[in-house]
Amino acid sequence: MPANGLSLDIVVPVLIYCALFWWVGRGMSWTARLATAAVTLVLVVCVLLVERGWR
């Protein structure tokens, strides 16, 4: 893993998520986009908590 840069394991999924979110959210209002982003972040946090054993 590079010491000064970001790992591609993080950058590539984030870019893909942003592109997918832009494509899906084209017809959505800003409040719906914010709600979708918030729900997604909560799901990511839940998955990380389960994966790390609730520590």
PDB file of N, CA and C in Angstrom:
ATOM      1  N   MET A   1       0.845  -1.173   0.000  1.00  0.00           N
ATOM      2  CA  MET A   1       0.000   0.000   0.000  1.00  0.00           C
ATOM      3  C   MET A   1       0.890   1.235   0.000  1.00  0.00           C
ATOM      4  N   PRO A   2       0.594   2.225  -0.854  1.00  0.00           N
ATOM      5  CA  PRO A   2       1.424   3.417  -0.911  1.00  0.00           C
ATOM      6  C   PRO A   2       1.350   4.201   0.398  1.00  0.00           C
ATOM      7  N   ALA A   3       2.492   4.728   0.811  1.00  0.00           N
ATOM      8  CA  ALA A   3       2.547   5.455   2.077  1.00  0.00           C
ATOM      9  C   ALA A   3       1.869   6.822   1.976  1.00  0.00           C
ATOM     10  N   ASN A   4       2.051   7.509   0.844  1.00  0.00           N
ATOM     11  CA  ASN A   4       1.536   8.869   0.724  1.00  0.00           C
ATOM     12  C   ASN A   4       0.242   8.971  -0.073  1.00  0.00           C
ATOM     13  N   GLY A   5      -0.139   7.941  -0.783  1.00  0.00           N
ATOM     14  CA  GLY A   5      -1.324   8.011  -1.630  1.00  0.00           C
ATOM     15  C   GLY A   5      -2.444   7.129  -1.123  1.00  0.00           C
ATOM     16  N   LEU A   6      -3.582   7.259  -1.775  1.00  0.00           N
ATOM     17  CA  LEU A   6      -4.714   6.409  -1.442  1.00  0.00           C
ATOM     18  C   LEU A   6      -4.618   5.096  -2.193  1.00  0.00           C
ATOM     19  N   SER A   7      -5.086   4.065  -1.595  1.00  0.00           N
ATOM     20  CA  SER A   7      -5.081   2.757  -2.224  1.00  0.00           C
ATOM     21  C   SER A   7      -6.171   2.676  -3.287  1.00  0.00           C
ATOM     22  N   LEU A   8      -5.879   1.984  -4.373  1.00  0.00           N
ATOM     23  CA  LEU A   8      -6.881   1.799  -5.420  1.00  0.00           C
ATOM     24  C   LEU A   8      -8.075   0.991  -4.917  1.00  0.00           C
ATOM     25  N   ASP A   9      -7.865   0.213  -3.857  1.00  0.00           N
ATOM     26  CA  ASP A   9      -8.978  -0.543  -3.271  1.00  0.00           C
ATOM     27  C   ASP A   9     -10.038   0.385  -2.703  1.00  0.00           C
ATOM     28  N   ILE A  10      -9.677   1.606  -2.405  1.00  0.00           N
ATOM     29  CA  ILE A  10     -10.629   2.582  -1.876  1.00  0.00           C
ATOM     30  C   ILE A  10     -11.106   3.521  -2.974  1.00  0.00           C
ATOM     31  N   VAL A  11     -10.203   3.985  -3.805  1.00  0.00           N
ATOM     32  CA  VAL A  11     -10.516   5.011  -4.796  1.00  0.00           C
ATOM     33  C   VAL A  11     -11.473   4.492  -5.869  1.00  0.00           C
ATOM     34  N   VAL A  12     -11.211   3.319  -6.403  1.00  0.00           N
ATOM     35  CA  VAL A  12     -12.020   2.795  -7.513  1.00  0.00           C
ATOM     36  C   VAL A  12     -13.475   2.565  -7.097  1.00  0.00           C
ATOM     37  N   PRO A  13     -13.755   1.892  -5.974  1.00  0.00           N
ATOM     38  CA  PRO A  13     -15.165   1.740  -5.589  1.00  0.00           C
ATOM     39  C   PRO A  13     -15.857   3.072  -5.315  1.00  0.00           C
ATOM     40  N   VAL A  14     -15.140   4.041  -4.751  1.00  0.00           N
ATOM     41  CA  VAL A  14     -15.748   5.342  -4.490  1.00  0.00           C
ATOM     42  C   VAL A  14     -16.117   6.025  -5.800  1.00  0.00           C
ATOM     43  N   LEU A  15     -15.234   5.971  -6.784  1.00  0.00           N
ATOM     44  CA  LEU A  15     -15.539   6.567  -8.087  1.00  0.00           C
ATOM     45  C   LEU A  15     -16.708   5.872  -8.766  1.00  0.00           C
ATOM     46  N   ILE A  16     -16.736   4.563  -8.694  1.00  0.00           N
ATOM     47  CA  ILE A  16     -17.839   3.810  -9.291  1.00  0.00           C
ATOM     48  C   ILE A  16     -19.149   4.141  -8.577  1.00  0.00           C
ATOM     49  N   TYR A  17     -19.114   4.245  -7.248  1.00  0.00           N
ATOM     50  CA  TYR A  17     -20.320   4.595  -6.494  1.00  0.00           C
ATOM     51  C   TYR A  17     -20.813   5.983  -6.892  1.00  0.00           C
ATOM     52  N   CYS A  18     -19.895   6.940  -7.007  1.00  0.00           N
ATOM     53  CA  CYS A  18     -20.295   8.298  -7.381  1.00  0.00           C
ATOM     54  C   CYS A  18     -20.926   8.325  -8.773  1.00  0.00           C
ATOM     55  N   ALA A  19     -20.344   7.585  -9.716  1.00  0.00           N
ATOM     56  CA  ALA A  19     -20.905   7.539 -11.063  1.00  0.00           C
ATOM     57  C   ALA A  19     -22.287   6.882 -11.061  1.00  0.00           C
ATOM     58  N   LEU A  20     -22.428   5.797 -10.331  1.00  0.00           N
ATOM     59  CA  LEU A  20     -23.722   5.112 -10.254  1.00  0.00           C
ATOM     60  C   LEU A  20     -24.763   5.985  -9.566  1.00  0.00           C
ATOM     61  N   PHE A  21     -24.356   6.670  -8.495  1.00  0.00           N
ATOM     62  CA  PHE A  21     -25.282   7.549  -7.781  1.00  0.00           C
ATOM     63  C   PHE A  21     -25.720   8.707  -8.674  1.00  0.00           C
ATOM     64  N   TRP A  22     -24.794   9.247  -9.464  1.00  0.00           N
ATOM     65  CA  TRP A  22     -25.157  10.324 -10.395  1.00  0.00           C
ATOM     66  C   TRP A  22     -26.154   9.816 -11.433  1.00  0.00           C
ATOM     67  N   TRP A  23     -25.915   8.610 -11.975  1.00  0.00           N
ATOM     68  CA  TRP A  23     -26.779   8.057 -13.012  1.00  0.00           C
ATOM     69  C   TRP A  23     -28.169   7.759 -12.465  1.00  0.00           C
ATOM     70  N   VAL A  24     -28.242   7.149 -11.288  1.00  0.00           N
ATOM     71  CA  VAL A  24     -29.531   6.796 -10.695  1.00  0.00           C
ATOM     72  C   VAL A  24     -30.263   8.053 -10.226  1.00  0.00           C
ATOM     73  N   GLY A  25     -29.524   9.035  -9.716  1.00  0.00           N
ATOM     74  CA  GLY A  25     -30.141  10.208  -9.121  1.00  0.00           C
ATOM     75  C   GLY A  25     -30.498  11.321 -10.083  1.00  0.00           C
ATOM     76  N   ARG A  26     -30.353  11.098 -11.387  1.00  0.00           N
ATOM     77  CA  ARG A  26     -30.641  12.158 -12.353  1.00  0.00           C
ATOM     78  C   ARG A  26     -32.071  12.661 -12.248  1.00  0.00           C
ATOM     79  N   GLY A  27     -33.030  11.789 -12.016  1.00  0.00           N
ATOM     80  CA  GLY A  27     -34.428  12.197 -11.948  1.00  0.00           C
ATOM     81  C   GLY A  27     -34.921  12.464 -10.539  1.00  0.00           C
ATOM     82  N   MET A  28     -34.018  12.427  -9.567  1.00  0.00           N
ATOM     83  CA  MET A  28     -34.419  12.589  -8.172  1.00  0.00           C
ATOM     84  C   MET A  28     -34.240  14.041  -7.724  1.00  0.00           C
ATOM     85  N   SER A  29     -35.041  14.450  -6.766  1.00  0.00           N
ATOM     86  CA  SER A  29     -34.867  15.784  -6.174  1.00  0.00           C
ATOM     87  C   SER A  29     -33.646  15.756  -5.254  1.00  0.00           C
ATOM     88  N   TRP A  30     -33.213  16.945  -4.847  1.00  0.00           N
ATOM     89  CA  TRP A  30     -32.032  17.018  -3.981  1.00  0.00           C
ATOM     90  C   TRP A  30     -32.290  16.372  -2.631  1.00  0.00           C
ATOM     91  N   THR A  31     -33.494  16.498  -2.107  1.00  0.00           N
ATOM     92  CA  THR A  31     -33.782  15.869  -0.813  1.00  0.00           C
ATOM     93  C   THR A  31     -33.765  14.348  -0.928  1.00  0.00           C
ATOM     94  N   ALA A  32     -34.252  13.824  -2.032  1.00  0.00           N
ATOM     95  CA  ALA A  32     -34.214  12.375  -2.241  1.00  0.00           C
ATOM     96  C   ALA A  32     -32.776  11.893  -2.407  1.00  0.00           C
ATOM     97  N   ARG A  33     -31.962  12.680  -3.093  1.00  0.00           N
ATOM     98  CA  ARG A  33     -30.547  12.320  -3.240  1.00  0.00           C
ATOM     99  C   ARG A  33     -29.848  12.303  -1.891  1.00  0.00           C
ATOM    100  N   LEU A  34     -30.102  13.314  -1.060  1.00  0.00           N
ATOM    101  CA  LEU A  34     -29.479  13.359   0.265  1.00  0.00           C
ATOM    102  C   LEU A  34     -29.946  12.201   1.137  1.00  0.00           C
ATOM    103  N   ALA A  35     -31.228  11.880   1.055  1.00  0.00           N
ATOM    104  CA  ALA A  35     -31.749  10.751   1.832  1.00  0.00           C
ATOM    105  C   ALA A  35     -31.121   9.441   1.371  1.00  0.00           C
ATOM    106  N   THR A  36     -30.976   9.263   0.069  1.00  0.00           N
ATOM    107  CA  THR A  36     -30.348   8.055  -0.463  1.00  0.00           C
ATOM    108  C   THR A  36     -28.896   7.950  -0.020  1.00  0.00           C
ATOM    109  N   ALA A  37     -28.177   9.058  -0.069  1.00  0.00           N
ATOM    110  CA  ALA A  37     -26.783   9.064   0.367  1.00  0.00           C
ATOM    111  C   ALA A  37     -26.679   8.746   1.856  1.00  0.00           C
ATOM    112  N   ALA A  38     -27.580   9.297   2.670  1.00  0.00           N
ATOM    113  CA  ALA A  38     -27.561   9.042   4.111  1.00  0.00           C
ATOM    114  C   ALA A  38     -27.843   7.571   4.413  1.00  0.00           C
ATOM    115  N   VAL A  39     -28.841   7.005   3.745  1.00  0.00           N
ATOM    116  CA  VAL A  39     -29.164   5.590   3.957  1.00  0.00           C
ATOM    117  C   VAL A  39     -28.000   4.709   3.537  1.00  0.00           C
ATOM    118  N   THR A  40     -27.357   5.047   2.430  1.00  0.00           N
ATOM    119  CA  THR A  40     -26.204   4.274   1.963  1.00  0.00           C
ATOM    120  C   THR A  40     -25.075   4.321   2.978  1.00  0.00           C
ATOM    121  N   LEU A  41     -24.793   5.508   3.514  1.00  0.00           N
ATOM    122  CA  LEU A  41     -23.727   5.616   4.507  1.00  0.00           C
ATOM    123  C   LEU A  41     -24.057   4.830   5.777  1.00  0.00           C
ATOM    124  N   VAL A  42     -25.307   4.833   6.194  1.00  0.00           N
ATOM    125  CA  VAL A  42     -25.704   4.052   7.365  1.00  0.00           C
ATOM    126  C   VAL A  42     -25.516   2.561   7.094  1.00  0.00           C
ATOM    127  N   LEU A  43     -25.877   2.114   5.905  1.00  0.00           N
ATOM    128  CA  LEU A  43     -25.677   0.703   5.553  1.00  0.00           C
ATOM    129  C   LEU A  43     -24.202   0.325   5.535  1.00  0.00           C
ATOM    130  N   VAL A  44     -23.362   1.210   5.018  1.00  0.00           N
ATOM    131  CA  VAL A  44     -21.920   0.948   4.997  1.00  0.00           C
ATOM    132  C   VAL A  44     -21.387   0.829   6.419  1.00  0.00           C
ATOM    133  N   VAL A  45     -21.807   1.720   7.301  1.00  0.00           N
ATOM    134  CA  VAL A  45     -21.365   1.666   8.695  1.00  0.00           C
ATOM    135  C   VAL A  45     -21.837   0.369   9.353  1.00  0.00           C
ATOM    136  N   CYS A  46     -23.070  -0.036   9.084  1.00  0.00           N
ATOM    137  CA  CYS A  46     -23.590  -1.293   9.650  1.00  0.00           C
ATOM    138  C   CYS A  46     -22.784  -2.494   9.170  1.00  0.00           C
ATOM    139  N   VAL A  47     -22.479  -2.522   7.898  1.00  0.00           N
ATOM    140  CA  VAL A  47     -21.681  -3.632   7.354  1.00  0.00           C
ATOM    141  C   VAL A  47     -20.299  -3.652   7.996  1.00  0.00           C
ATOM    142  N   LEU A  48     -19.676  -2.482   8.146  1.00  0.00           N
ATOM    143  CA  LEU A  48     -18.364  -2.432   8.785  1.00  0.00           C
ATOM    144  C   LEU A  48     -18.411  -2.887  10.240  1.00  0.00           C
ATOM    145  N   LEU A  49     -19.459  -2.504  10.952  1.00  0.00           N
ATOM    146  CA  LEU A  49     -19.591  -2.936  12.345  1.00  0.00           C
ATOM    147  C   LEU A  49     -19.751  -4.460  12.439  1.00  0.00           C
ATOM    148  N   VAL A  50     -20.565  -5.025  11.595  1.00  0.00           N
ATOM    149  CA  VAL A  50     -20.765  -6.474  11.597  1.00  0.00           C
ATOM    150  C   VAL A  50     -19.474  -7.183  11.190  1.00  0.00           C
ATOM    151  N   GLU A  51     -18.804  -6.641  10.187  1.00  0.00           N
ATOM    152  CA  GLU A  51     -17.576  -7.268   9.689  1.00  0.00           C
ATOM    153  C   GLU A  51     -16.476  -7.251  10.740  1.00  0.00           C
ATOM    154  N   ARG A  52     -16.440  -6.209  11.541  1.00  0.00           N
ATOM    155  CA  ARG A  52     -15.392  -6.078  12.566  1.00  0.00           C
ATOM    156  C   ARG A  52     -15.821  -6.643  13.914  1.00  0.00           C
ATOM    157  N   GLY A  53     -16.969  -7.230  13.983  1.00  0.00           N
ATOM    158  CA  GLY A  53     -17.403  -7.892  15.198  1.00  0.00           C
ATOM    159  C   GLY A  53     -17.896  -6.956  16.285  1.00  0.00           C
ATOM    160  N   TRP A  54     -18.511  -5.832  15.922  1.00  0.00           N
ATOM    161  CA  TRP A  54     -19.099  -4.880  16.863  1.00  0.00           C
ATOM    162  C   TRP A  54     -18.091  -4.284  17.831  1.00  0.00           C
ATOM    163  N   ARG A  55     -16.829  -4.142  17.429  1.00  0.00           N
ATOM    164  CA  ARG A  55     -15.808  -3.592  18.325  1.00  0.00           C
ATOM    165  C   ARG A  55     -15.519  -2.174  18.005  1.00  0.00           C
TER     166      ARG A  55
END
